Amino acid sequence: MSTTPPRNVIYYNDGSNPISLAGISGLPYTDIILAFLVPDGNLNLMGQGGAFDSNGNPNPNDIQTLQNAGKNVLISVGGDTQYFPSSAWQQYAQDVNGLVEQIVGYVTANGLNGVDIDYEDDNGFAGGPDGAGVYDGITFLIELTNGLAQELPSGRNIITHAPQPPYLDPKPNARYKNAYTQIWQGTGNNISWFNCQFYDNPEYSSSASRKVSWYETFARTIGASELLMGVPLDPAGSGYLPLDQFTSQVIAPLLQTFGSAFGGVMAWEFSYDQNGTWAKGTAQALAGGTGTSTPG
């Protein structure tokens, strides 16, 4: 399965879309990320969300159907701190090898193509009351990424990250000290791409022009081919844009600037993509079409 741009990535979490997980095989998404793998009270990772059974595992037939259609299927570790608290990240940071072992075991046991790290713990960068990190999140994520790259077997070793834009902000006075540039520099080529969350952060994502401008800023550092424009599909979500506006005012100018080097798009999440309209419209736009007509 391909990992080259442009990518059209979707997170699958809710499970309420009339189109099943296996049904995504008929839509022009390139990669599906199952969300989320979260810790229980004993720091054992379990799948939680619409993609998982009562034991926290996805249906193997669904995974095989998607892969047979040429799509990569990843598991996302992390998410909102309500479900993946800072205290858990702090404890995992004290035993990175143990966390690597758990993730690798889950990926291989479920026949997945890799893992997405959705790290949202501000405390690891600069979240303490004195402005200092509660623990060294940068070193932790570098060690986690490199450990996964070493242990994941071939064909199961895609590693992506889903940073929020402020984690990539290069301004000298930025709160998070350009954390993800340091992580990118410390992991070599071990990160396949970044599912950057251009939402819930109005300074970076409240309009199409802000999304484009900040994407261009981040791409100067880590490169456009590894950087995805991530947006919400919930119309009530912060940073939401209707499909026609997104394709014409975000995808089109980024394609004009970066051409075939543009990394692609990511969306959260599939329950809002009724009839696969988003998948088809963004795929058309990424292929050089307008994406503004109703896909058939």
C-alpha atoms as a PDB file:
ATOM      1  CA  MET A   1       0.000   0.000   0.000  1.00  0.00           C
ATOM      2  CA  SER A   2       1.203   3.482  -0.836  1.00  0.00           C
ATOM      3  CA  THR A   3       2.341   6.123   1.623  1.00  0.00           C
ATOM      4  CA  THR A   4       3.125   8.776  -0.983  1.00  0.00           C
ATOM      5  CA  PRO A   5       1.229  12.067  -1.289  1.00  0.00           C
ATOM      6  CA  PRO A   6      -1.317  13.327  -1.796  1.00  0.00           C
ATOM      7  CA  ARG A   7      -3.019  11.444   1.021  1.00  0.00           C
ATOM      8  CA  ASN A   8      -6.704  11.568   1.866  1.00  0.00           C
ATOM      9  CA  VAL A   9      -6.859  10.435   5.494  1.00  0.00           C
ATOM     10  CA  ILE A  10      -9.926   9.858   7.662  1.00  0.00           C
ATOM     11  CA  TYR A  11     -10.230   9.091  11.373  1.00  0.00           C
ATOM     12  CA  TYR A  12     -12.882   6.542  12.358  1.00  0.00           C
ATOM     13  CA  ASN A  13     -14.216   6.942  15.884  1.00  0.00           C
ATOM     14  CA  ASP A  14     -17.964   7.271  16.276  1.00  0.00           C
ATOM     15  CA  GLY A  15     -19.330   4.342  14.269  1.00  0.00           C
ATOM     16  CA  SER A  16     -22.703   5.994  13.635  1.00  0.00           C
ATOM     17  CA  ASN A  17     -22.285   6.571   9.898  1.00  0.00           C
ATOM     18  CA  PRO A  18     -24.652   4.361   7.862  1.00  0.00           C
ATOM     19  CA  ILE A  19     -21.566   3.388   5.856  1.00  0.00           C
ATOM     20  CA  SER A  20     -19.739   0.731   7.854  1.00  0.00           C
ATOM     21  CA  LEU A  21     -16.025   0.661   8.541  1.00  0.00           C
ATOM     22  CA  ALA A  22     -15.595  -1.966   5.832  1.00  0.00           C
ATOM     23  CA  GLY A  23     -17.735   0.194   3.544  1.00  0.00           C
ATOM     24  CA  ILE A  24     -14.963   2.800   3.455  1.00  0.00           C
ATOM     25  CA  SER A  25     -13.255   0.395   1.059  1.00  0.00           C
ATOM     26  CA  GLY A  26     -15.418   1.866  -1.679  1.00  0.00           C
ATOM     27  CA  LEU A  27     -14.490   5.482  -0.952  1.00  0.00           C
ATOM     28  CA  PRO A  28     -11.376   7.336  -2.173  1.00  0.00           C
ATOM     29  CA  TYR A  29      -9.694   7.630   1.213  1.00  0.00           C
ATOM     30  CA  THR A  30      -6.100   6.446   1.168  1.00  0.00           C
ATOM     31  CA  ASP A  31      -5.674   5.811   4.892  1.00  0.00           C
ATOM     32  CA  ILE A  32      -8.059   5.050   7.759  1.00  0.00           C
ATOM     33  CA  ILE A  33      -7.008   5.752  11.346  1.00  0.00           C
ATOM     34  CA  LEU A  34      -8.950   3.939  14.066  1.00  0.00           C
ATOM     35  CA  ALA A  35      -9.411   6.028  17.205  1.00  0.00           C
ATOM     36  CA  PHE A  36      -8.412   5.522  19.955  1.00  0.00           C
ATOM     37  CA  LEU A  37      -6.061   3.277  21.893  1.00  0.00           C
ATOM     38  CA  VAL A  38      -6.278   4.498  25.515  1.00  0.00           C
ATOM     39  CA  PRO A  39      -5.047   3.252  28.908  1.00  0.00           C
ATOM     40  CA  ASP A  40      -7.087   1.485  31.545  1.00  0.00           C
ATOM     41  CA  GLY A  41      -6.377   1.915  35.245  1.00  0.00           C
ATOM     42  CA  ASN A  42      -3.375  -0.399  34.981  1.00  0.00           C
ATOM     43  CA  LEU A  43      -1.914   1.387  31.924  1.00  0.00           C
ATOM     44  CA  ASN A  44      -2.932  -1.449  29.624  1.00  0.00           C
ATOM     45  CA  LEU A  45      -3.898  -0.031  26.231  1.00  0.00           C
ATOM     46  CA  MET A  46      -7.400  -0.795  24.955  1.00  0.00           C
ATOM     47  CA  GLY A  47      -9.311   0.232  21.847  1.00  0.00           C
ATOM     48  CA  GLN A  48     -12.188   2.571  22.723  1.00  0.00           C
ATOM     49  CA  GLY A  49     -14.670   3.812  20.132  1.00  0.00           C
ATOM     50  CA  GLY A  50     -16.957   2.632  17.370  1.00  0.00           C
ATOM     51  CA  ALA A  51     -14.272   0.581  15.608  1.00  0.00           C
ATOM     52  CA  PHE A  52     -13.701  -1.828  18.499  1.00  0.00           C
ATOM     53  CA  ASP A  53     -15.409  -4.818  20.109  1.00  0.00           C
ATOM     54  CA  SER A  54     -15.867  -5.338  23.846  1.00  0.00           C
ATOM     55  CA  ASN A  55     -12.274  -6.553  24.094  1.00  0.00           C
ATOM     56  CA  GLY A  56     -10.945  -3.369  22.478  1.00  0.00           C
ATOM     57  CA  ASN A  57     -10.057  -4.920  19.110  1.00  0.00           C
ATOM     58  CA  PRO A  58     -11.277  -4.108  15.580  1.00  0.00           C
ATOM     59  CA  ASN A  59     -13.022  -6.678  13.413  1.00  0.00           C
ATOM     60  CA  PRO A  60     -10.260  -8.461  11.459  1.00  0.00           C
ATOM     61  CA  ASN A  61     -12.541  -8.882   8.432  1.00  0.00           C
ATOM     62  CA  ASP A  62     -13.063  -5.107   8.286  1.00  0.00           C
ATOM     63  CA  ILE A  63      -9.322  -4.505   8.390  1.00  0.00           C
ATOM     64  CA  GLN A  64      -8.675  -7.053   5.655  1.00  0.00           C
ATOM     65  CA  THR A  65     -11.425  -5.600   3.448  1.00  0.00           C
ATOM     66  CA  LEU A  66      -9.903  -2.123   3.682  1.00  0.00           C
ATOM     67  CA  GLN A  67      -6.400  -3.399   3.017  1.00  0.00           C
ATOM     68  CA  ASN A  68      -7.601  -5.465   0.068  1.00  0.00           C
ATOM     69  CA  ALA A  69      -8.877  -2.182  -1.374  1.00  0.00           C
ATOM     70  CA  GLY A  70      -5.350  -0.764  -1.154  1.00  0.00           C
ATOM     71  CA  LYS A  71      -5.840   1.308   1.985  1.00  0.00           C
ATOM     72  CA  ASN A  72      -3.586   1.564   5.023  1.00  0.00           C
ATOM     73  CA  VAL A  73      -5.266   1.070   8.402  1.00  0.00           C
ATOM     74  CA  LEU A  74      -3.592   2.571  11.468  1.00  0.00           C
ATOM     75  CA  ILE A  75      -4.406   2.738  15.164  1.00  0.00           C
ATOM     76  CA  SER A  76      -4.293   6.113  16.903  1.00  0.00           C
ATOM     77  CA  VAL A  77      -2.798   6.214  20.400  1.00  0.00           C
ATOM     78  CA  GLY A  78      -3.785   9.213  22.493  1.00  0.00           C
ATOM     79  CA  GLY A  79      -6.512  11.764  21.899  1.00  0.00           C
ATOM     80  CA  ASP A  80      -8.345  14.032  24.296  1.00  0.00           C
ATOM     81  CA  THR A  81      -6.852  14.208  27.798  1.00  0.00           C
ATOM     82  CA  GLN A  82     -10.285  13.271  29.186  1.00  0.00           C
ATOM     83  CA  TYR A  83      -9.591   9.737  27.987  1.00  0.00           C
ATOM     84  CA  PHE A  84      -5.800   9.751  27.824  1.00  0.00           C
ATOM     85  CA  PRO A  85      -4.779  11.822  30.878  1.00  0.00           C
ATOM     86  CA  SER A  86      -1.501  13.579  31.422  1.00  0.00           C
ATOM     87  CA  SER A  87      -0.789  11.253  34.342  1.00  0.00           C
ATOM     88  CA  ALA A  88      -0.765   8.281  31.967  1.00  0.00           C
ATOM     89  CA  TRP A  89       1.628   9.974  29.545  1.00  0.00           C
ATOM     90  CA  GLN A  90       3.903  10.835  32.465  1.00  0.00           C
ATOM     91  CA  GLN A  91       3.994   7.210  33.602  1.00  0.00           C
ATOM     92  CA  TYR A  92       4.591   5.913  30.087  1.00  0.00           C
ATOM     93  CA  ALA A  93       7.481   8.370  29.760  1.00  0.00           C
ATOM     94  CA  GLN A  94       9.181   6.487  32.595  1.00  0.00           C
ATOM     95  CA  ASP A  95       8.960   3.204  30.663  1.00  0.00           C
ATOM     96  CA  VAL A  96       9.074   4.023  26.958  1.00  0.00           C
ATOM     97  CA  ASN A  97      10.145   0.497  26.031  1.00  0.00           C
ATOM     98  CA  GLY A  98       7.083  -0.905  27.764  1.00  0.00           C
ATOM     99  CA  LEU A  99       4.805   1.440  25.821  1.00  0.00           C
ATOM    100  CA  VAL A 100       6.546   0.518  22.561  1.00  0.00           C
ATOM    101  CA  GLU A 101       6.015  -3.162  23.354  1.00  0.00           C
ATOM    102  CA  GLN A 102       2.288  -2.631  23.985  1.00  0.00           C
ATOM    103  CA  ILE A 103       1.745  -0.663  20.766  1.00  0.00           C
ATOM    104  CA  VAL A 104       3.766  -3.066  18.619  1.00  0.00           C
ATOM    105  CA  GLY A 105       1.857  -5.988  20.100  1.00  0.00           C
ATOM    106  CA  TYR A 106      -1.487  -4.379  19.292  1.00  0.00           C
ATOM    107  CA  VAL A 107      -0.514  -3.432  15.734  1.00  0.00           C
ATOM    108  CA  THR A 108       0.798  -6.885  14.885  1.00  0.00           C
ATOM    109  CA  ALA A 109      -1.994  -8.819  16.630  1.00  0.00           C
ATOM    110  CA  ASN A 110      -4.632  -6.899  14.674  1.00  0.00           C
ATOM    111  CA  GLY A 111      -2.838  -6.890  11.323  1.00  0.00           C
ATOM    112  CA  LEU A 112      -2.642  -3.092  11.123  1.00  0.00           C
ATOM    113  CA  ASN A 113      -0.287  -1.043   8.948  1.00  0.00           C
ATOM    114  CA  GLY A 114       1.055   1.165  11.699  1.00  0.00           C
ATOM    115  CA  VAL A 115       0.340   3.694  14.413  1.00  0.00           C
ATOM    116  CA  ASP A 116      -0.668   7.329  14.764  1.00  0.00           C
ATOM    117  CA  ILE A 117       0.498   9.249  17.850  1.00  0.00           C
ATOM    118  CA  ASP A 118      -2.141  11.821  18.841  1.00  0.00           C
ATOM    119  CA  TYR A 119      -0.282  13.445  21.711  1.00  0.00           C
ATOM    120  CA  GLU A 120      -2.299  16.264  23.292  1.00  0.00           C
ATOM    121  CA  ASP A 121      -0.589  16.639  26.672  1.00  0.00           C
ATOM    122  CA  ASP A 122       0.494  20.271  26.980  1.00  0.00           C
ATOM    123  CA  ASN A 123       2.194  19.377  30.267  1.00  0.00           C
ATOM    124  CA  GLY A 124       4.924  17.547  28.382  1.00  0.00           C
ATOM    125  CA  PHE A 125       6.038  20.722  26.617  1.00  0.00           C
ATOM    126  CA  ALA A 126       5.262  23.788  28.709  1.00  0.00           C
ATOM    127  CA  GLY A 127       2.168  23.070  30.708  1.00  0.00           C
ATOM    128  CA  GLY A 128       3.360  23.527  34.266  1.00  0.00           C
ATOM    129  CA  PRO A 129       2.398  26.566  36.328  1.00  0.00           C
ATOM    130  CA  ASP A 130       5.912  27.961  35.988  1.00  0.00           C
ATOM    131  CA  GLY A 131       5.916  27.519  32.212  1.00  0.00           C
ATOM    132  CA  ALA A 132       8.225  24.520  32.381  1.00  0.00           C
ATOM    133  CA  GLY A 133       7.250  21.067  31.189  1.00  0.00           C
ATOM    134  CA  VAL A 134       6.032  18.697  33.907  1.00  0.00           C
ATOM    135  CA  TYR A 135       8.137  16.070  32.140  1.00  0.00           C
ATOM    136  CA  ASP A 136      10.206  16.102  28.951  1.00  0.00           C
ATOM    137  CA  GLY A 137       7.584  15.418  26.317  1.00  0.00           C
ATOM    138  CA  ILE A 138       9.962  16.152  23.464  1.00  0.00           C
ATOM    139  CA  THR A 139      12.493  13.528  24.494  1.00  0.00           C
ATOM    140  CA  PHE A 140       9.665  11.106  25.277  1.00  0.00           C
ATOM    141  CA  LEU A 141       8.102  11.411  21.809  1.00  0.00           C
ATOM    142  CA  ILE A 142      11.490  11.104  20.105  1.00  0.00           C
ATOM    143  CA  GLU A 143      12.265   7.924  22.050  1.00  0.00           C
ATOM    144  CA  LEU A 144       8.768   6.534  21.468  1.00  0.00           C
ATOM    145  CA  THR A 145       8.912   7.172  17.721  1.00  0.00           C
ATOM    146  CA  ASN A 146      12.397   5.758  17.277  1.00  0.00           C
ATOM    147  CA  GLY A 147      11.545   2.750  19.430  1.00  0.00           C
ATOM    148  CA  LEU A 148       8.462   2.010  17.329  1.00  0.00           C
ATOM    149  CA  ALA A 149      10.464   2.390  14.117  1.00  0.00           C
ATOM    150  CA  GLN A 150      12.954  -0.164  15.394  1.00  0.00           C
ATOM    151  CA  GLU A 151      10.391  -2.722  16.584  1.00  0.00           C
ATOM    152  CA  LEU A 152       7.489  -2.553  14.115  1.00  0.00           C
ATOM    153  CA  PRO A 153       7.851  -5.173  11.371  1.00  0.00           C
ATOM    154  CA  SER A 154       7.938  -4.330   7.681  1.00  0.00           C
ATOM    155  CA  GLY A 155       4.478  -3.632   6.307  1.00  0.00           C
ATOM    156  CA  ARG A 156       3.286  -2.638   9.784  1.00  0.00           C
ATOM    157  CA  ASN A 157       5.680   0.269  10.346  1.00  0.00           C
ATOM    158  CA  ILE A 158       3.893   3.423   9.235  1.00  0.00           C
ATOM    159  CA  ILE A 159       4.283   5.973  12.034  1.00  0.00           C
ATOM    160  CA  THR A 160       2.322   9.228  11.922  1.00  0.00           C
ATOM    161  CA  HIS A 161       1.830  12.018  14.442  1.00  0.00           C
ATOM    162  CA  ALA A 162      -1.142  14.353  14.867  1.00  0.00           C
ATOM    163  CA  PRO A 163       0.217  17.576  16.396  1.00  0.00           C
ATOM    164  CA  GLN A 164      -1.847  20.650  17.119  1.00  0.00           C
ATOM    165  CA  PRO A 165      -0.587  23.757  15.259  1.00  0.00           C
ATOM    166  CA  PRO A 166       0.823  25.528  18.349  1.00  0.00           C
ATOM    167  CA  TYR A 167       3.190  22.577  18.816  1.00  0.00           C
ATOM    168  CA  LEU A 168       4.746  23.542  15.452  1.00  0.00           C
ATOM    169  CA  ASP A 169       4.729  27.310  15.929  1.00  0.00           C
ATOM    170  CA  PRO A 170       8.292  28.548  15.216  1.00  0.00           C
ATOM    171  CA  LYS A 171       7.922  32.011  16.818  1.00  0.00           C
ATOM    172  CA  PRO A 172      10.696  32.633  19.376  1.00  0.00           C
ATOM    173  CA  ASN A 173       8.156  33.389  22.110  1.00  0.00           C
ATOM    174  CA  ALA A 174       5.778  30.529  21.269  1.00  0.00           C
ATOM    175  CA  ARG A 175       4.563  28.732  24.386  1.00  0.00           C
ATOM    176  CA  TYR A 176       5.523  25.234  23.258  1.00  0.00           C
ATOM    177  CA  LYS A 177       8.988  26.183  22.028  1.00  0.00           C
ATOM    178  CA  ASN A 178       8.500  24.717  18.547  1.00  0.00           C
ATOM    179  CA  ALA A 179       8.356  21.282  20.157  1.00  0.00           C
ATOM    180  CA  TYR A 180       7.442  19.305  17.077  1.00  0.00           C
ATOM    181  CA  THR A 181      10.272  20.679  14.979  1.00  0.00           C
ATOM    182  CA  GLN A 182      12.634  19.269  17.607  1.00  0.00           C
ATOM    183  CA  ILE A 183      10.748  15.960  17.531  1.00  0.00           C
ATOM    184  CA  TRP A 184      10.943  15.854  13.737  1.00  0.00           C
ATOM    185  CA  GLN A 185      14.671  16.600  13.850  1.00  0.00           C
ATOM    186  CA  GLY A 186      15.220  13.857  16.427  1.00  0.00           C
ATOM    187  CA  THR A 187      13.383  11.123  14.559  1.00  0.00           C
ATOM    188  CA  GLY A 188      15.030  11.265  11.135  1.00  0.00           C
ATOM    189  CA  ASN A 189      12.720   9.718   8.568  1.00  0.00           C
ATOM    190  CA  ASN A 190      10.843   7.629  11.114  1.00  0.00           C
ATOM    191  CA  ILE A 191       7.695   9.800  10.956  1.00  0.00           C
ATOM    192  CA  SER A 192       5.853   9.046   7.723  1.00  0.00           C
ATOM    193  CA  TRP A 193       3.681  12.168   7.872  1.00  0.00           C
ATOM    194  CA  PHE A 194       1.996  14.654  10.219  1.00  0.00           C
ATOM    195  CA  ASN A 195      -1.803  14.804  10.543  1.00  0.00           C
ATOM    196  CA  CYS A 196      -1.730  18.432  11.688  1.00  0.00           C
ATOM    197  CA  GLN A 197      -4.960  19.440  13.459  1.00  0.00           C
ATOM    198  CA  PHE A 198      -5.940  22.756  11.915  1.00  0.00           C
ATOM    199  CA  TYR A 199      -8.954  23.067  14.225  1.00  0.00           C
ATOM    200  CA  ASP A 200      -9.777  23.985  17.834  1.00  0.00           C
ATOM    201  CA  ASN A 201      -6.952  26.530  17.647  1.00  0.00           C
ATOM    202  CA  PRO A 202      -8.513  29.733  16.215  1.00  0.00           C
ATOM    203  CA  GLU A 203      -5.225  31.608  15.882  1.00  0.00           C
ATOM    204  CA  TYR A 204      -4.120  29.009  13.337  1.00  0.00           C
ATOM    205  CA  SER A 205      -7.367  27.709  11.896  1.00  0.00           C
ATOM    206  CA  SER A 206     -10.317  30.109  12.164  1.00  0.00           C
ATOM    207  CA  SER A 207     -10.362  30.888   8.431  1.00  0.00           C
ATOM    208  CA  ALA A 208      -9.200  29.416   5.139  1.00  0.00           C
ATOM    209  CA  SER A 209      -6.491  32.061   4.802  1.00  0.00           C
ATOM    210  CA  ARG A 210      -5.107  31.308   8.267  1.00  0.00           C
ATOM    211  CA  LYS A 211      -5.021  27.589   7.556  1.00  0.00           C
ATOM    212  CA  VAL A 212      -3.110  28.185   4.308  1.00  0.00           C
ATOM    213  CA  SER A 213      -0.704  30.706   5.806  1.00  0.00           C
ATOM    214  CA  TRP A 214       0.212  28.557   8.797  1.00  0.00           C
ATOM    215  CA  TYR A 215       0.496  25.436   6.665  1.00  0.00           C
ATOM    216  CA  GLU A 216       3.014  27.277   4.482  1.00  0.00           C
ATOM    217  CA  THR A 217       4.924  28.358   7.606  1.00  0.00           C
ATOM    218  CA  PHE A 218       5.150  24.818   8.976  1.00  0.00           C
ATOM    219  CA  ALA A 219       6.008  23.364   5.566  1.00  0.00           C
ATOM    220  CA  ARG A 220       9.121  25.539   5.397  1.00  0.00           C
ATOM    221  CA  THR A 221      10.478  23.474   8.268  1.00  0.00           C
ATOM    222  CA  ILE A 222       9.271  19.908   7.871  1.00  0.00           C
ATOM    223  CA  GLY A 223       8.393  19.913   4.176  1.00  0.00           C
ATOM    224  CA  ALA A 224       5.005  19.892   2.467  1.00  0.00           C
ATOM    225  CA  SER A 225       5.094  16.230   1.445  1.00  0.00           C
ATOM    226  CA  GLU A 226       5.021  15.113   5.093  1.00  0.00           C
ATOM    227  CA  LEU A 227       2.463  17.695   6.249  1.00  0.00           C
ATOM    228  CA  LEU A 228      -1.304  17.121   6.005  1.00  0.00           C
ATOM    229  CA  MET A 229      -3.996  19.759   6.346  1.00  0.00           C
ATOM    230  CA  GLY A 230      -6.315  18.373   9.014  1.00  0.00           C
ATOM    231  CA  VAL A 231      -9.859  19.729   9.370  1.00  0.00           C
ATOM    232  CA  PRO A 232     -13.082  18.848  11.249  1.00  0.00           C
ATOM    233  CA  LEU A 233     -16.151  17.505   9.461  1.00  0.00           C
ATOM    234  CA  ASP A 234     -18.564  18.531  12.222  1.00  0.00           C
ATOM    235  CA  PRO A 235     -20.222  21.788  11.057  1.00  0.00           C
ATOM    236  CA  ALA A 236     -20.276  22.924  14.691  1.00  0.00           C
ATOM    237  CA  GLY A 237     -16.563  22.302  15.092  1.00  0.00           C
ATOM    238  CA  SER A 238     -14.021  25.084  15.513  1.00  0.00           C
ATOM    239  CA  GLY A 239     -12.229  25.535  12.204  1.00  0.00           C
ATOM    240  CA  TYR A 240     -14.909  23.865  10.090  1.00  0.00           C
ATOM    241  CA  LEU A 241     -15.230  24.855   6.430  1.00  0.00           C
ATOM    242  CA  PRO A 242     -17.891  23.612   3.987  1.00  0.00           C
ATOM    243  CA  LEU A 243     -16.514  21.269   1.335  1.00  0.00           C
ATOM    244  CA  ASP A 244     -16.664  23.772  -1.546  1.00  0.00           C
ATOM    245  CA  GLN A 245     -14.892  26.431   0.496  1.00  0.00           C
ATOM    246  CA  PHE A 246     -12.262  23.984   1.735  1.00  0.00           C
ATOM    247  CA  THR A 247     -11.435  22.704  -1.737  1.00  0.00           C
ATOM    248  CA  SER A 248     -11.380  26.111  -3.432  1.00  0.00           C
ATOM    249  CA  GLN A 249      -9.799  28.212  -0.684  1.00  0.00           C
ATOM    250  CA  VAL A 250      -7.457  25.717   0.995  1.00  0.00           C
ATOM    251  CA  ILE A 251      -6.653  22.732  -1.221  1.00  0.00           C
ATOM    252  CA  ALA A 252      -6.471  24.710  -4.468  1.00  0.00           C
ATOM    253  CA  PRO A 253      -3.993  27.367  -3.245  1.00  0.00           C
ATOM    254  CA  LEU A 254      -1.831  24.758  -1.513  1.00  0.00           C
ATOM    255  CA  LEU A 255      -1.709  22.702  -4.704  1.00  0.00           C
ATOM    256  CA  GLN A 256      -0.818  25.846  -6.613  1.00  0.00           C
ATOM    257  CA  THR A 257       2.066  26.528  -4.226  1.00  0.00           C
ATOM    258  CA  PHE A 258       3.383  22.999  -3.659  1.00  0.00           C
ATOM    259  CA  GLY A 259       2.080  20.980  -6.606  1.00  0.00           C
ATOM    260  CA  SER A 260       2.637  17.243  -6.306  1.00  0.00           C
ATOM    261  CA  ALA A 261       4.648  17.808  -3.118  1.00  0.00           C
ATOM    262  CA  PHE A 262       1.492  18.768  -1.177  1.00  0.00           C
ATOM    263  CA  GLY A 263       1.055  16.096   1.489  1.00  0.00           C
ATOM    264  CA  GLY A 264      -2.726  15.969   1.373  1.00  0.00           C
ATOM    265  CA  VAL A 265      -5.614  16.259   3.818  1.00  0.00           C
ATOM    266  CA  MET A 266      -6.915  14.633   6.977  1.00  0.00           C
ATOM    267  CA  ALA A 267     -10.429  14.807   8.420  1.00  0.00           C
ATOM    268  CA  TRP A 268     -11.961  14.173  11.830  1.00  0.00           C
ATOM    269  CA  GLU A 269     -14.099  12.116  11.623  1.00  0.00           C
ATOM    270  CA  PHE A 270     -15.989   9.643   9.426  1.00  0.00           C
ATOM    271  CA  SER A 271     -19.386   9.760  11.152  1.00  0.00           C
ATOM    272  CA  TYR A 272     -19.910  13.215   9.595  1.00  0.00           C
ATOM    273  CA  ASP A 273     -19.090  12.111   6.038  1.00  0.00           C
ATOM    274  CA  GLN A 274     -22.599  11.144   5.021  1.00  0.00           C
ATOM    275  CA  ASN A 275     -22.723   9.330   1.653  1.00  0.00           C
ATOM    276  CA  GLY A 276     -18.944   9.719   1.336  1.00  0.00           C
ATOM    277  CA  THR A 277     -19.419  13.212  -0.080  1.00  0.00           C
ATOM    278  CA  TRP A 278     -16.332  14.579   1.679  1.00  0.00           C
ATOM    279  CA  ALA A 279     -14.130  11.679   0.562  1.00  0.00           C
ATOM    280  CA  LYS A 280     -15.131  12.122  -3.055  1.00  0.00           C
ATOM    281  CA  GLY A 281     -14.935  15.909  -3.081  1.00  0.00           C
ATOM    282  CA  THR A 282     -11.490  16.109  -1.512  1.00  0.00           C
ATOM    283  CA  ALA A 283     -10.176  13.306  -3.729  1.00  0.00           C
ATOM    284  CA  GLN A 284     -11.383  15.215  -6.797  1.00  0.00           C
ATOM    285  CA  ALA A 285      -9.730  18.401  -5.556  1.00  0.00           C
ATOM    286  CA  LEU A 286      -6.462  16.633  -4.765  1.00  0.00           C
ATOM    287  CA  ALA A 287      -6.456  15.248  -8.275  1.00  0.00           C
ATOM    288  CA  GLY A 288      -6.680  18.777  -9.637  1.00  0.00           C
ATOM    289  CA  GLY A 289     -10.444  19.143  -9.938  1.00  0.00           C
ATOM    290  CA  THR A 290     -12.527  21.784  -8.198  1.00  0.00           C
ATOM    291  CA  GLY A 291     -14.204  19.452  -5.776  1.00  0.00           C
ATOM    292  CA  THR A 292     -17.146  21.835  -5.648  1.00  0.00           C
ATOM    293  CA  SER A 293     -19.734  19.734  -7.475  1.00  0.00           C
ATOM    294  CA  THR A 294     -21.725  17.053  -5.754  1.00  0.00           C
ATOM    295  CA  PRO A 295     -19.813  13.793  -6.304  1.00  0.00           C
ATOM    296  CA  GLY A 296     -21.676  10.957  -7.901  1.00  0.00           C
END
